[in-house]
C-alpha cells in the first residue's frame, strides 16, 4: 500500500464568488426558479449579480449566477439542486 495522498478534490479556493451558468428553455418563471433554488441553499445570494443572455433563436436562456460559497460541499449541493430541476437543461 502506498502512503501517497490523493490530489486535492478541487482547485477552487474557498470562500469565493463562484460563477454558476444555468441554461434552459425560455420560460416566464425560469429566472425566478433559479433564484429560488439558489436562495434555498445560500440565503445571501444576490440576484442582482445575475448575467442573462438569450440564444440567437430566442429559444434558450443562459444565466450566470455569481454565488458566494464557503465550501465544496455547499457548491456541490447547489449544483445538485439546480441540475435536478426539470426546467433546467444544463448547469456549468
N, C-alpha and C. Protein backbone atom coordinates (compact mmCIF):
# COMPACT_ATOMS: atom_id res chain seq x y z
N UNK A 1 0.83 -1.19 0.00
CA UNK A 1 0.00 0.00 0.00
C UNK A 1 0.87 1.25 0.00
N UNK A 2 0.43 2.21 -0.76
CA UNK A 2 1.16 3.46 -0.87
C UNK A 2 0.62 4.48 0.13
N UNK A 3 1.50 5.34 0.61
CA UNK A 3 1.08 6.39 1.53
C UNK A 3 0.87 7.72 0.81
N UNK A 4 0.85 7.69 -0.51
CA UNK A 4 0.66 8.93 -1.27
C UNK A 4 -0.72 9.50 -1.02
N UNK A 5 -0.75 10.81 -0.89
CA UNK A 5 -2.04 11.47 -0.71
C UNK A 5 -2.71 11.63 -2.07
N UNK A 6 -4.01 11.55 -2.07
CA UNK A 6 -4.75 11.80 -3.30
C UNK A 6 -4.70 13.29 -3.61
N UNK A 7 -4.76 13.65 -4.89
CA UNK A 7 -4.78 15.08 -5.21
C UNK A 7 -6.00 15.75 -4.57
N UNK A 8 -5.86 17.02 -4.32
CA UNK A 8 -6.97 17.77 -3.73
C UNK A 8 -8.20 17.62 -4.60
N UNK A 9 -9.36 17.55 -3.96
CA UNK A 9 -10.62 17.36 -4.70
C UNK A 9 -10.94 18.54 -5.60
N UNK A 10 -10.45 19.71 -5.26
CA UNK A 10 -10.79 20.90 -6.02
C UNK A 10 -9.62 21.87 -6.05
N UNK A 11 -9.56 22.64 -7.11
CA UNK A 11 -8.54 23.69 -7.21
C UNK A 11 -9.12 25.04 -6.77
N UNK A 12 -10.39 25.04 -6.46
CA UNK A 12 -11.07 26.27 -6.05
C UNK A 12 -10.69 26.59 -4.62
N UNK A 13 -10.36 27.86 -4.37
CA UNK A 13 -10.08 28.29 -3.00
C UNK A 13 -11.34 28.88 -2.40
N UNK A 14 -11.75 28.35 -1.28
CA UNK A 14 -12.95 28.83 -0.60
C UNK A 14 -12.57 29.68 0.58
N UNK A 15 -13.39 30.66 0.95
CA UNK A 15 -14.63 31.09 0.28
C UNK A 15 -14.33 31.89 -0.98
N UNK A 16 -15.31 31.93 -1.89
CA UNK A 16 -15.14 32.69 -3.13
C UNK A 16 -16.50 32.99 -3.77
N UNK A 17 -16.49 33.94 -4.68
CA UNK A 17 -17.65 34.19 -5.53
C UNK A 17 -17.48 33.28 -6.73
N UNK A 18 -18.39 32.33 -6.89
CA UNK A 18 -18.24 31.33 -7.94
C UNK A 18 -19.33 31.51 -8.99
N UNK A 19 -18.93 31.60 -10.27
CA UNK A 19 -19.94 31.75 -11.33
C UNK A 19 -20.56 30.40 -11.70
N UNK A 20 -21.86 30.30 -11.58
CA UNK A 20 -22.59 29.09 -11.97
C UNK A 20 -23.45 29.46 -13.18
N UNK A 21 -23.22 28.78 -14.29
CA UNK A 21 -24.00 29.04 -15.50
C UNK A 21 -25.15 28.04 -15.56
N UNK A 22 -26.36 28.57 -15.71
CA UNK A 22 -27.57 27.74 -15.73
C UNK A 22 -28.29 28.01 -17.04
N UNK A 23 -28.61 26.94 -17.79
CA UNK A 23 -29.26 27.12 -19.09
C UNK A 23 -30.55 26.31 -19.17
N UNK A 24 -31.50 26.87 -19.90
CA UNK A 24 -32.77 26.18 -20.11
C UNK A 24 -33.57 26.89 -21.18
N UNK A 25 -34.74 26.33 -21.49
CA UNK A 25 -35.61 26.95 -22.47
C UNK A 25 -36.23 28.20 -21.84
N UNK A 26 -36.49 29.19 -22.69
CA UNK A 26 -37.10 30.43 -22.22
C UNK A 26 -38.47 30.10 -21.61
N UNK A 27 -38.69 30.60 -20.41
CA UNK A 27 -39.94 30.37 -19.68
C UNK A 27 -40.11 31.55 -18.73
N UNK A 28 -41.34 32.00 -18.55
CA UNK A 28 -41.60 33.15 -17.68
C UNK A 28 -41.02 32.99 -16.28
N UNK A 29 -41.03 31.77 -15.77
CA UNK A 29 -40.59 31.55 -14.39
C UNK A 29 -39.15 31.04 -14.29
N UNK A 30 -38.40 30.99 -15.40
CA UNK A 30 -37.07 30.41 -15.36
C UNK A 30 -36.15 31.13 -14.38
N UNK A 31 -36.02 32.43 -14.53
CA UNK A 31 -35.11 33.20 -13.67
C UNK A 31 -35.53 33.11 -12.21
N UNK A 32 -36.80 33.28 -11.93
CA UNK A 32 -37.26 33.25 -10.54
C UNK A 32 -37.07 31.85 -9.94
N UNK A 33 -37.20 30.81 -10.75
CA UNK A 33 -36.99 29.45 -10.27
C UNK A 33 -35.52 29.23 -9.90
N UNK A 34 -34.62 29.69 -10.76
CA UNK A 34 -33.18 29.56 -10.49
C UNK A 34 -32.83 30.31 -9.20
N UNK A 35 -33.32 31.53 -9.07
CA UNK A 35 -33.05 32.33 -7.87
C UNK A 35 -33.56 31.60 -6.62
N UNK A 36 -34.77 31.07 -6.70
CA UNK A 36 -35.37 30.38 -5.56
C UNK A 36 -34.53 29.16 -5.15
N UNK A 37 -34.07 28.38 -6.13
CA UNK A 37 -33.27 27.19 -5.84
C UNK A 37 -31.96 27.59 -5.15
N UNK A 38 -31.28 28.59 -5.70
CA UNK A 38 -30.00 29.01 -5.12
C UNK A 38 -30.22 29.58 -3.72
N UNK A 39 -31.26 30.39 -3.54
CA UNK A 39 -31.51 31.00 -2.23
C UNK A 39 -31.87 29.96 -1.17
N UNK A 40 -32.46 28.83 -1.57
CA UNK A 40 -32.75 27.75 -0.61
C UNK A 40 -31.44 27.19 -0.04
N UNK A 41 -30.39 27.22 -0.83
CA UNK A 41 -29.10 26.68 -0.41
C UNK A 41 -28.15 27.75 0.12
N UNK A 42 -28.39 29.00 -0.29
CA UNK A 42 -27.48 30.10 0.06
C UNK A 42 -28.31 31.37 0.22
N UNK A 43 -28.73 31.64 1.46
CA UNK A 43 -29.63 32.77 1.74
C UNK A 43 -29.08 34.12 1.30
N UNK A 44 -27.76 34.24 1.27
CA UNK A 44 -27.14 35.54 0.97
C UNK A 44 -26.96 35.79 -0.53
N UNK A 45 -27.41 34.86 -1.37
CA UNK A 45 -27.27 35.04 -2.81
C UNK A 45 -27.95 36.34 -3.25
N UNK A 46 -27.24 37.13 -4.04
CA UNK A 46 -27.75 38.42 -4.52
C UNK A 46 -28.15 38.29 -6.00
N UNK A 47 -29.45 38.24 -6.28
CA UNK A 47 -29.92 38.07 -7.66
C UNK A 47 -29.48 39.20 -8.61
N UNK A 48 -29.09 40.35 -8.06
CA UNK A 48 -28.66 41.46 -8.94
C UNK A 48 -27.33 41.15 -9.62
N UNK A 49 -26.64 40.10 -9.18
CA UNK A 49 -25.36 39.72 -9.79
C UNK A 49 -25.55 38.83 -11.03
N UNK A 50 -26.76 38.44 -11.32
CA UNK A 50 -27.02 37.52 -12.44
C UNK A 50 -26.79 38.22 -13.78
N UNK A 51 -26.06 37.55 -14.65
CA UNK A 51 -25.89 38.00 -16.03
C UNK A 51 -26.75 37.09 -16.91
N UNK A 52 -27.60 37.70 -17.73
CA UNK A 52 -28.56 36.95 -18.53
C UNK A 52 -28.22 37.09 -20.01
N UNK A 53 -28.34 35.98 -20.74
CA UNK A 53 -28.09 36.01 -22.17
C UNK A 53 -29.05 35.05 -22.85
N UNK A 54 -29.68 35.52 -23.92
CA UNK A 54 -30.58 34.67 -24.68
C UNK A 54 -29.86 34.08 -25.88
N UNK A 55 -30.37 32.96 -26.39
CA UNK A 55 -29.78 32.37 -27.59
C UNK A 55 -30.19 33.19 -28.80
N UNK A 56 -29.47 33.03 -29.90
CA UNK A 56 -29.76 33.82 -31.10
C UNK A 56 -31.16 33.54 -31.64
N UNK A 57 -31.66 32.32 -31.44
CA UNK A 57 -33.01 31.99 -31.91
C UNK A 57 -34.08 32.40 -30.90
N UNK A 58 -33.65 32.78 -29.69
CA UNK A 58 -34.59 33.19 -28.66
C UNK A 58 -35.30 32.04 -27.96
N UNK A 59 -34.82 30.82 -28.16
CA UNK A 59 -35.48 29.66 -27.54
C UNK A 59 -34.89 29.31 -26.18
N UNK A 60 -33.61 29.61 -25.99
CA UNK A 60 -32.93 29.26 -24.75
C UNK A 60 -32.42 30.50 -24.04
N UNK A 61 -32.23 30.35 -22.72
CA UNK A 61 -31.70 31.43 -21.91
C UNK A 61 -30.55 30.88 -21.06
N UNK A 62 -29.57 31.71 -20.85
CA UNK A 62 -28.42 31.35 -20.02
C UNK A 62 -28.28 32.39 -18.91
N UNK A 63 -28.19 31.93 -17.69
CA UNK A 63 -27.98 32.81 -16.54
C UNK A 63 -26.64 32.47 -15.92
N UNK A 64 -25.80 33.48 -15.73
CA UNK A 64 -24.58 33.28 -14.96
C UNK A 64 -24.82 33.90 -13.60
N UNK A 65 -24.83 33.05 -12.58
CA UNK A 65 -25.14 33.47 -11.21
C UNK A 65 -23.85 33.44 -10.39
N UNK A 66 -23.49 34.57 -9.82
CA UNK A 66 -22.27 34.65 -9.01
C UNK A 66 -22.66 34.41 -7.55
N UNK A 67 -22.27 33.24 -7.05
CA UNK A 67 -22.69 32.82 -5.72
C UNK A 67 -21.48 32.79 -4.79
N UNK A 68 -21.60 33.42 -3.63
CA UNK A 68 -20.54 33.39 -2.64
C UNK A 68 -20.66 32.08 -1.87
N UNK A 69 -19.71 31.18 -2.08
CA UNK A 69 -19.74 29.87 -1.43
C UNK A 69 -18.54 29.73 -0.49
N UNK A 70 -18.75 28.95 0.57
CA UNK A 70 -17.70 28.81 1.57
C UNK A 70 -17.03 27.44 1.56
N UNK A 71 -17.61 26.47 0.80
CA UNK A 71 -17.03 25.13 0.77
C UNK A 71 -17.46 24.37 -0.48
N UNK A 72 -16.70 23.32 -0.78
CA UNK A 72 -17.04 22.47 -1.92
C UNK A 72 -18.38 21.77 -1.70
N UNK A 73 -18.67 21.23 -0.50
CA UNK A 73 -19.98 20.60 -0.30
C UNK A 73 -21.15 21.56 -0.54
N UNK A 74 -20.98 22.83 -0.16
CA UNK A 74 -22.03 23.82 -0.40
C UNK A 74 -22.23 24.01 -1.90
N UNK A 75 -21.13 24.15 -2.63
CA UNK A 75 -21.19 24.34 -4.08
C UNK A 75 -21.81 23.11 -4.75
N UNK A 76 -21.40 21.92 -4.33
CA UNK A 76 -21.95 20.68 -4.89
C UNK A 76 -23.45 20.58 -4.64
N UNK A 77 -23.88 20.99 -3.47
CA UNK A 77 -25.30 20.96 -3.11
C UNK A 77 -26.11 21.87 -4.03
N UNK A 78 -25.59 23.06 -4.31
CA UNK A 78 -26.26 23.99 -5.21
C UNK A 78 -26.35 23.38 -6.61
N UNK A 79 -25.24 22.82 -7.09
CA UNK A 79 -25.23 22.17 -8.41
C UNK A 79 -26.26 21.05 -8.50
N UNK A 80 -26.31 20.20 -7.47
CA UNK A 80 -27.27 19.09 -7.46
C UNK A 80 -28.71 19.60 -7.52
N UNK A 81 -29.00 20.62 -6.72
CA UNK A 81 -30.36 21.15 -6.69
C UNK A 81 -30.77 21.75 -8.03
N UNK A 82 -29.85 22.49 -8.64
CA UNK A 82 -30.14 23.09 -9.95
C UNK A 82 -30.28 22.00 -11.01
N UNK A 83 -29.36 21.06 -11.04
CA UNK A 83 -29.35 20.01 -12.06
C UNK A 83 -30.58 19.11 -12.01
N UNK A 84 -31.16 18.96 -10.84
CA UNK A 84 -32.30 18.05 -10.70
C UNK A 84 -33.63 18.70 -11.07
N UNK A 85 -33.65 20.02 -11.32
CA UNK A 85 -34.91 20.68 -11.67
C UNK A 85 -35.24 20.45 -13.14
N UNK A 86 -36.47 20.04 -13.46
CA UNK A 86 -36.83 19.72 -14.85
C UNK A 86 -36.75 20.90 -15.83
N UNK A 87 -36.86 22.13 -15.33
CA UNK A 87 -36.82 23.30 -16.21
C UNK A 87 -35.38 23.62 -16.65
N UNK A 88 -34.42 23.13 -15.89
CA UNK A 88 -33.01 23.44 -16.14
C UNK A 88 -32.38 22.33 -16.96
N UNK A 89 -31.78 22.72 -18.10
CA UNK A 89 -31.19 21.72 -19.01
C UNK A 89 -29.71 21.46 -18.71
N UNK A 90 -28.95 22.52 -18.40
CA UNK A 90 -27.50 22.40 -18.21
C UNK A 90 -27.07 23.30 -17.06
N UNK A 91 -26.14 22.80 -16.23
CA UNK A 91 -25.53 23.60 -15.18
C UNK A 91 -24.01 23.43 -15.33
N UNK A 92 -23.32 24.55 -15.51
CA UNK A 92 -21.85 24.52 -15.66
C UNK A 92 -21.20 25.34 -14.56
